[in-house]
Amino acid sequence: MRLSVNNLACERGERRIFEGVSFTLRAGEALVITGRNGAGKSSLLEILAGRLRPAAGVILLEQAGERTLAECLHYVGHRDALKAALTAQENLAFARDFLGSPAMKPPEALEAVGLAHAARLPVAYLSAGQRRRVALARLLVAHRPLWLLDEPTSALDTASQDILRLLLEQHRGSGGMIAATTHSPLFLTDSKEIRIERRSPRVEELDEEPA
């Protein structure tokens, strides 16, 4: 599977945020998206996720069979998108049933993110970091090859960031693809980086220093 993006542009409120963004993401690869606040990092992910229409450019998903791009991706944004009245386990069961292509069982996914003890607690009682881990656990209950992650380390402590990093590397090891925005280093090996600047994006390979 390969995702190709060519000369992508974004407008918000009739104002051009960025333009000329191009990159290719193949199975097993990770793309780290950096840039200043307001440069359009989150908007780029929203375009890829189909939540925002691009002002220009082409997005092409190859070797995906009959599946559309939307059917091949997970999107985790700034908001956790969890139902506060449901338990952590119930939230994951809902996501699994809604998304299809079941993978890990909810209890297994919660254990993978270090939250087995909170499986039956309503999400409303969880801390911000715990809620974030439940949101990330959704990646594990339904198989989708492309993960789009907007500031995935937000609200995570050091130990939880280590868990996340392991999950990301395991996903890549199984042929998955990752595109993630970040202000903090993700320390992913052999990752690509695209830095979003207003009208002057720059893409570079990070062979020496992992992002």
C-alpha atoms as a PDB file:
ATOM      1  CA  MET A   1       0.000   0.000   0.000  1.00  0.00           C
ATOM      2  CA  ARG A   2       1.228   3.501  -0.791  1.00  0.00           C
ATOM      3  CA  LEU A   3      -0.165   6.978  -0.074  1.00  0.00           C
ATOM      4  CA  SER A   4       0.893   9.707  -2.497  1.00  0.00           C
ATOM      5  CA  VAL A   5       0.185  13.401  -1.873  1.00  0.00           C
ATOM      6  CA  ASN A   6       0.972  15.911  -4.602  1.00  0.00           C
ATOM      7  CA  ASN A   7       0.909  19.723  -4.373  1.00  0.00           C
ATOM      8  CA  LEU A   8      -1.669  19.819  -1.610  1.00  0.00           C
ATOM      9  CA  ALA A   9      -2.999  23.220  -0.538  1.00  0.00           C
ATOM     10  CA  CYS A  10      -5.273  24.242   2.316  1.00  0.00           C
ATOM     11  CA  GLU A  11      -7.516  27.259   2.819  1.00  0.00           C
ATOM     12  CA  ARG A  12      -9.346  28.205   6.003  1.00  0.00           C
ATOM     13  CA  GLY A  13     -11.728  31.144   5.987  1.00  0.00           C
ATOM     14  CA  GLU A  14     -10.688  32.110   2.434  1.00  0.00           C
ATOM     15  CA  ARG A  15      -7.076  32.358   3.583  1.00  0.00           C
ATOM     16  CA  ARG A  16      -4.392  30.114   2.087  1.00  0.00           C
ATOM     17  CA  ILE A  17      -2.689  28.306   4.975  1.00  0.00           C
ATOM     18  CA  PHE A  18      -0.185  26.246   3.039  1.00  0.00           C
ATOM     19  CA  GLU A  19       0.386  25.001  -0.481  1.00  0.00           C
ATOM     20  CA  GLY A  20       2.700  22.780  -2.456  1.00  0.00           C
ATOM     21  CA  VAL A  21       2.839  19.939   0.094  1.00  0.00           C
ATOM     22  CA  SER A  22       3.957  16.654  -1.482  1.00  0.00           C
ATOM     23  CA  PHE A  23       5.109  13.367  -0.005  1.00  0.00           C
ATOM     24  CA  THR A  24       4.849   9.605  -0.418  1.00  0.00           C
ATOM     25  CA  LEU A  25       4.215   7.175   2.414  1.00  0.00           C
ATOM     26  CA  ARG A  26       4.750   3.449   1.924  1.00  0.00           C
ATOM     27  CA  ALA A  27       4.038   0.386   4.038  1.00  0.00           C
ATOM     28  CA  GLY A  28       6.182   0.434   7.175  1.00  0.00           C
ATOM     29  CA  GLU A  29       7.009   4.144   6.939  1.00  0.00           C
ATOM     30  CA  ALA A  30       6.330   7.028   9.329  1.00  0.00           C
ATOM     31  CA  LEU A  31       5.942  10.709   8.504  1.00  0.00           C
ATOM     32  CA  VAL A  32       6.479  13.284  11.261  1.00  0.00           C
ATOM     33  CA  ILE A  33       4.789  16.642  10.569  1.00  0.00           C
ATOM     34  CA  THR A  34       6.274  19.664  12.308  1.00  0.00           C
ATOM     35  CA  GLY A  35       5.857  23.430  12.126  1.00  0.00           C
ATOM     36  CA  ARG A  36       4.851  26.462  14.140  1.00  0.00           C
ATOM     37  CA  ASN A  37       1.409  26.875  15.680  1.00  0.00           C
ATOM     38  CA  GLY A  38      -1.068  27.839  12.979  1.00  0.00           C
ATOM     39  CA  ALA A  39       1.097  26.561  10.143  1.00  0.00           C
ATOM     40  CA  GLY A  40      -1.527  23.973   9.188  1.00  0.00           C
ATOM     41  CA  LYS A  41      -0.273  20.702  10.673  1.00  0.00           C
ATOM     42  CA  SER A  42      -3.674  19.674  12.014  1.00  0.00           C
ATOM     43  CA  SER A  43      -5.366  20.868   8.838  1.00  0.00           C
ATOM     44  CA  LEU A  44      -3.115  18.601   6.785  1.00  0.00           C
ATOM     45  CA  LEU A  45      -4.244  15.576   8.809  1.00  0.00           C
ATOM     46  CA  GLU A  46      -7.878  16.652   8.544  1.00  0.00           C
ATOM     47  CA  ILE A  47      -7.534  16.783   4.768  1.00  0.00           C
ATOM     48  CA  LEU A  48      -6.004  13.305   4.683  1.00  0.00           C
ATOM     49  CA  ALA A  49      -8.798  12.035   6.940  1.00  0.00           C
ATOM     50  CA  GLY A  50     -11.465  13.517   4.655  1.00  0.00           C
ATOM     51  CA  ARG A  51     -12.677  15.980   7.286  1.00  0.00           C
ATOM     52  CA  LEU A  52     -11.544  19.014   5.289  1.00  0.00           C
ATOM     53  CA  ARG A  53     -11.608  19.581   1.544  1.00  0.00           C
ATOM     54  CA  PRO A  54      -8.238  20.535   0.004  1.00  0.00           C
ATOM     55  CA  ALA A  55      -7.983  23.800  -1.926  1.00  0.00           C
ATOM     56  CA  ALA A  56      -5.739  22.093  -4.475  1.00  0.00           C
ATOM     57  CA  GLY A  57      -3.717  18.948  -4.980  1.00  0.00           C
ATOM     58  CA  VAL A  58      -4.209  15.203  -5.299  1.00  0.00           C
ATOM     59  CA  ILE A  59      -4.314  12.427  -2.681  1.00  0.00           C
ATOM     60  CA  LEU A  60      -3.922   8.924  -4.092  1.00  0.00           C
ATOM     61  CA  LEU A  61      -4.032   5.635  -2.204  1.00  0.00           C
ATOM     62  CA  GLU A  62      -2.550   2.794  -4.236  1.00  0.00           C
ATOM     63  CA  GLN A  63      -2.717  -0.983  -3.817  1.00  0.00           C
ATOM     64  CA  ALA A  64      -5.651  -0.789  -1.417  1.00  0.00           C
ATOM     65  CA  GLY A  65      -7.985  -3.024  -3.394  1.00  0.00           C
ATOM     66  CA  GLU A  66     -11.582  -1.798  -3.315  1.00  0.00           C
ATOM     67  CA  ARG A  67     -11.147   0.065  -0.018  1.00  0.00           C
ATOM     68  CA  THR A  68     -11.334   3.847   0.027  1.00  0.00           C
ATOM     69  CA  LEU A  69      -8.840   5.984   1.914  1.00  0.00           C
ATOM     70  CA  ALA A  70     -11.412   6.581   4.670  1.00  0.00           C
ATOM     71  CA  GLU A  71     -11.787   2.822   5.120  1.00  0.00           C
ATOM     72  CA  CYS A  72      -8.018   2.406   5.515  1.00  0.00           C
ATOM     73  CA  LEU A  73      -7.285   4.961   8.223  1.00  0.00           C
ATOM     74  CA  HIS A  74      -7.574   5.735  11.892  1.00  0.00           C
ATOM     75  CA  TYR A  75      -7.692   9.410  12.899  1.00  0.00           C
ATOM     76  CA  VAL A  76      -6.931  10.535  16.455  1.00  0.00           C
ATOM     77  CA  GLY A  77      -7.302  14.286  16.850  1.00  0.00           C
ATOM     78  CA  HIS A  78      -6.907  16.702  19.755  1.00  0.00           C
ATOM     79  CA  ARG A  79     -10.302  15.730  21.138  1.00  0.00           C
ATOM     80  CA  ASP A  80     -10.585  12.247  22.591  1.00  0.00           C
ATOM     81  CA  ALA A  81     -14.056  11.647  21.075  1.00  0.00           C
ATOM     82  CA  LEU A  82     -14.993   9.344  23.953  1.00  0.00           C
ATOM     83  CA  LYS A  83     -18.419   8.895  25.527  1.00  0.00           C
ATOM     84  CA  ALA A  84     -17.942   9.984  29.141  1.00  0.00           C
ATOM     85  CA  ALA A  85     -20.798   7.874  30.537  1.00  0.00           C
ATOM     86  CA  LEU A  86     -19.416   4.643  29.049  1.00  0.00           C
ATOM     87  CA  THR A  87     -16.566   2.687  30.547  1.00  0.00           C
ATOM     88  CA  ALA A  88     -13.188   2.540  28.840  1.00  0.00           C
ATOM     89  CA  GLN A  89     -13.972  -0.990  27.692  1.00  0.00           C
ATOM     90  CA  GLU A  90     -17.410  -0.009  26.386  1.00  0.00           C
ATOM     91  CA  ASN A  91     -15.916   2.870  24.402  1.00  0.00           C
ATOM     92  CA  LEU A  92     -13.492   0.494  22.692  1.00  0.00           C
ATOM     93  CA  ALA A  93     -16.219  -2.077  22.011  1.00  0.00           C
ATOM     94  CA  PHE A  94     -18.314   0.647  20.369  1.00  0.00           C
ATOM     95  CA  ALA A  95     -15.347   1.742  18.220  1.00  0.00           C
ATOM     96  CA  ARG A  96     -14.613  -1.858  17.196  1.00  0.00           C
ATOM     97  CA  ASP A  97     -18.218  -2.509  16.165  1.00  0.00           C
ATOM     98  CA  PHE A  98     -18.541   0.810  14.346  1.00  0.00           C
ATOM     99  CA  LEU A  99     -15.239   0.623  12.446  1.00  0.00           C
ATOM    100  CA  GLY A 100     -15.281  -3.077  11.596  1.00  0.00           C
ATOM    101  CA  SER A 101     -12.179  -5.178  10.833  1.00  0.00           C
ATOM    102  CA  PRO A 102     -11.851  -6.214  14.507  1.00  0.00           C
ATOM    103  CA  ALA A 103      -8.341  -6.827  15.789  1.00  0.00           C
ATOM    104  CA  MET A 104      -7.530  -6.825  19.524  1.00  0.00           C
ATOM    105  CA  LYS A 105     -10.314  -7.346  22.035  1.00  0.00           C
ATOM    106  CA  PRO A 106     -11.004  -4.224  24.165  1.00  0.00           C
ATOM    107  CA  PRO A 107      -9.477  -5.698  27.359  1.00  0.00           C
ATOM    108  CA  GLU A 108      -6.320  -6.614  25.423  1.00  0.00           C
ATOM    109  CA  ALA A 109      -6.075  -3.139  23.903  1.00  0.00           C
ATOM    110  CA  LEU A 110      -6.431  -1.513  27.322  1.00  0.00           C
ATOM    111  CA  GLU A 111      -3.749  -3.779  28.718  1.00  0.00           C
ATOM    112  CA  ALA A 112      -1.473  -2.791  25.825  1.00  0.00           C
ATOM    113  CA  VAL A 113      -1.739   0.885  26.836  1.00  0.00           C
ATOM    114  CA  GLY A 114      -1.387   0.152  30.550  1.00  0.00           C
ATOM    115  CA  LEU A 115      -5.043   0.648  31.486  1.00  0.00           C
ATOM    116  CA  ALA A 116      -6.274  -2.865  32.265  1.00  0.00           C
ATOM    117  CA  HIS A 117      -7.124  -1.706  35.801  1.00  0.00           C
ATOM    118  CA  ALA A 118      -9.443   1.012  34.454  1.00  0.00           C
ATOM    119  CA  ALA A 119     -11.384  -1.124  31.984  1.00  0.00           C
ATOM    120  CA  ARG A 120     -14.692  -0.877  33.874  1.00  0.00           C
ATOM    121  CA  LEU A 121     -14.403   2.724  34.993  1.00  0.00           C
ATOM    122  CA  PRO A 122     -16.556   5.364  33.265  1.00  0.00           C
ATOM    123  CA  VAL A 123     -14.333   7.550  31.125  1.00  0.00           C
ATOM    124  CA  ALA A 124     -15.636  10.603  33.014  1.00  0.00           C
ATOM    125  CA  TYR A 125     -13.603   9.452  36.036  1.00  0.00           C
ATOM    126  CA  LEU A 126     -10.316   9.121  34.153  1.00  0.00           C
ATOM    127  CA  SER A 127      -7.501  11.675  34.052  1.00  0.00           C
ATOM    128  CA  ALA A 128      -6.590  13.508  30.850  1.00  0.00           C
ATOM    129  CA  GLY A 129      -3.651  11.191  30.278  1.00  0.00           C
ATOM    130  CA  GLN A 130      -5.778   8.090  30.836  1.00  0.00           C
ATOM    131  CA  ARG A 131      -8.447   9.373  28.451  1.00  0.00           C
ATOM    132  CA  ARG A 132      -5.757   9.941  25.875  1.00  0.00           C
ATOM    133  CA  ARG A 133      -4.583   6.360  26.252  1.00  0.00           C
ATOM    134  CA  VAL A 134      -8.130   5.066  25.788  1.00  0.00           C
ATOM    135  CA  ALA A 135      -8.378   7.127  22.593  1.00  0.00           C
ATOM    136  CA  LEU A 136      -5.098   5.669  21.364  1.00  0.00           C
ATOM    137  CA  ALA A 137      -6.275   2.153  22.269  1.00  0.00           C
ATOM    138  CA  ARG A 138      -8.936   2.526  19.567  1.00  0.00           C
ATOM    139  CA  LEU A 139      -6.089   2.100  17.088  1.00  0.00           C
ATOM    140  CA  LEU A 140      -5.730  -1.484  18.297  1.00  0.00           C
ATOM    141  CA  VAL A 141      -9.308  -2.769  18.296  1.00  0.00           C
ATOM    142  CA  ALA A 142      -9.930  -2.302  14.557  1.00  0.00           C
ATOM    143  CA  HIS A 143      -7.276  -2.988  11.934  1.00  0.00           C
ATOM    144  CA  ARG A 144      -6.564  -0.063   9.659  1.00  0.00           C
ATOM    145  CA  PRO A 145      -3.173   0.358   7.973  1.00  0.00           C
ATOM    146  CA  LEU A 146      -2.872   4.161   8.065  1.00  0.00           C
ATOM    147  CA  TRP A 147      -2.729   5.966  11.419  1.00  0.00           C
ATOM    148  CA  LEU A 148      -3.209   9.753  11.408  1.00  0.00           C
ATOM    149  CA  LEU A 149      -2.241  11.123  14.820  1.00  0.00           C
ATOM    150  CA  ASP A 150      -2.522  14.761  15.867  1.00  0.00           C
ATOM    151  CA  GLU A 151      -0.105  15.417  18.765  1.00  0.00           C
ATOM    152  CA  PRO A 152      -0.369  11.811  20.022  1.00  0.00           C
ATOM    153  CA  THR A 153       1.864  12.444  23.075  1.00  0.00           C
ATOM    154  CA  SER A 154      -0.429  15.196  24.385  1.00  0.00           C
ATOM    155  CA  ALA A 155      -1.205  14.662  28.123  1.00  0.00           C
ATOM    156  CA  LEU A 156       0.960  11.512  28.237  1.00  0.00           C
ATOM    157  CA  ASP A 157       3.626  11.061  30.898  1.00  0.00           C
ATOM    158  CA  THR A 158       7.045   9.632  30.058  1.00  0.00           C
ATOM    159  CA  ALA A 159       6.053   6.015  30.693  1.00  0.00           C
ATOM    160  CA  SER A 160       2.948   6.364  28.513  1.00  0.00           C
ATOM    161  CA  GLN A 161       4.993   7.964  25.744  1.00  0.00           C
ATOM    162  CA  ASP A 162       7.279   4.923  25.807  1.00  0.00           C
ATOM    163  CA  ILE A 163       4.233   2.649  25.452  1.00  0.00           C
ATOM    164  CA  LEU A 164       2.982   4.730  22.528  1.00  0.00           C
ATOM    165  CA  ARG A 165       6.365   4.597  20.822  1.00  0.00           C
ATOM    166  CA  LEU A 166       6.374   0.804  21.094  1.00  0.00           C
ATOM    167  CA  LEU A 167       2.874   0.579  19.601  1.00  0.00           C
ATOM    168  CA  LEU A 168       3.886   2.826  16.706  1.00  0.00           C
ATOM    169  CA  GLU A 169       6.947   0.730  15.931  1.00  0.00           C
ATOM    170  CA  GLN A 170       4.919  -2.487  16.135  1.00  0.00           C
ATOM    171  CA  HIS A 171       2.369  -1.043  13.695  1.00  0.00           C
ATOM    172  CA  ARG A 172       5.126  -0.139  11.260  1.00  0.00           C
ATOM    173  CA  GLY A 173       6.691  -3.552  11.693  1.00  0.00           C
ATOM    174  CA  SER A 174       3.462  -5.152  10.513  1.00  0.00           C
ATOM    175  CA  GLY A 175       3.410  -2.969   7.379  1.00  0.00           C
ATOM    176  CA  GLY A 176       1.358  -0.100   8.760  1.00  0.00           C
ATOM    177  CA  MET A 177       1.858   3.578   7.939  1.00  0.00           C
ATOM    178  CA  ILE A 178       1.873   6.563  10.303  1.00  0.00           C
ATOM    179  CA  ALA A 179       1.521  10.316   9.793  1.00  0.00           C
ATOM    180  CA  ALA A 180       1.787  12.276  13.046  1.00  0.00           C
ATOM    181  CA  THR A 181       1.994  15.939  13.992  1.00  0.00           C
ATOM    182  CA  THR A 182       4.165  16.774  16.968  1.00  0.00           C
ATOM    183  CA  HIS A 183       5.897  19.463  18.978  1.00  0.00           C
ATOM    184  CA  SER A 184       7.860  16.848  20.928  1.00  0.00           C
ATOM    185  CA  PRO A 185      10.303  14.259  19.544  1.00  0.00           C
ATOM    186  CA  LEU A 186       8.694  10.910  18.785  1.00  0.00           C
ATOM    187  CA  PHE A 187      12.032   9.110  18.371  1.00  0.00           C
ATOM    188  CA  LEU A 188      10.764   6.928  15.532  1.00  0.00           C
ATOM    189  CA  THR A 189      13.541   5.223  13.601  1.00  0.00           C
ATOM    190  CA  ASP A 190      14.096   6.000   9.911  1.00  0.00           C
ATOM    191  CA  SER A 191      11.173   8.403   9.776  1.00  0.00           C
ATOM    192  CA  LYS A 192      10.492  11.107   7.247  1.00  0.00           C
ATOM    193  CA  GLU A 193       9.791  14.689   8.234  1.00  0.00           C
ATOM    194  CA  ILE A 194       7.757  17.353   6.553  1.00  0.00           C
ATOM    195  CA  ARG A 195       7.902  20.831   8.049  1.00  0.00           C
ATOM    196  CA  ILE A 196       4.886  22.952   7.239  1.00  0.00           C
ATOM    197  CA  GLU A 197       5.734  26.563   6.588  1.00  0.00           C
ATOM    198  CA  ARG A 198       3.372  29.109   5.145  1.00  0.00           C
ATOM    199  CA  ARG A 199       3.671  28.487   1.382  1.00  0.00           C
ATOM    200  CA  SER A 200       7.111  26.879   1.679  1.00  0.00           C
ATOM    201  CA  PRO A 201       6.919  23.264   2.863  1.00  0.00           C
ATOM    202  CA  ARG A 202      10.145  21.290   3.158  1.00  0.00           C
ATOM    203  CA  VAL A 203      10.471  17.513   3.204  1.00  0.00           C
ATOM    204  CA  GLU A 204      13.607  15.702   4.281  1.00  0.00           C
ATOM    205  CA  GLU A 205      14.652  12.194   5.154  1.00  0.00           C
ATOM    206  CA  LEU A 206      15.837  11.708   8.736  1.00  0.00           C
ATOM    207  CA  ASP A 207      18.441   8.985   8.330  1.00  0.00           C
ATOM    208  CA  GLU A 208      20.866  10.167  10.985  1.00  0.00           C
ATOM    209  CA  GLU A 209      18.648  11.605  13.710  1.00  0.00           C
ATOM    210  CA  PRO A 210      15.255   9.958  14.312  1.00  0.00           C
ATOM    211  CA  ALA A 211      12.339  12.329  14.852  1.00  0.00           C
END
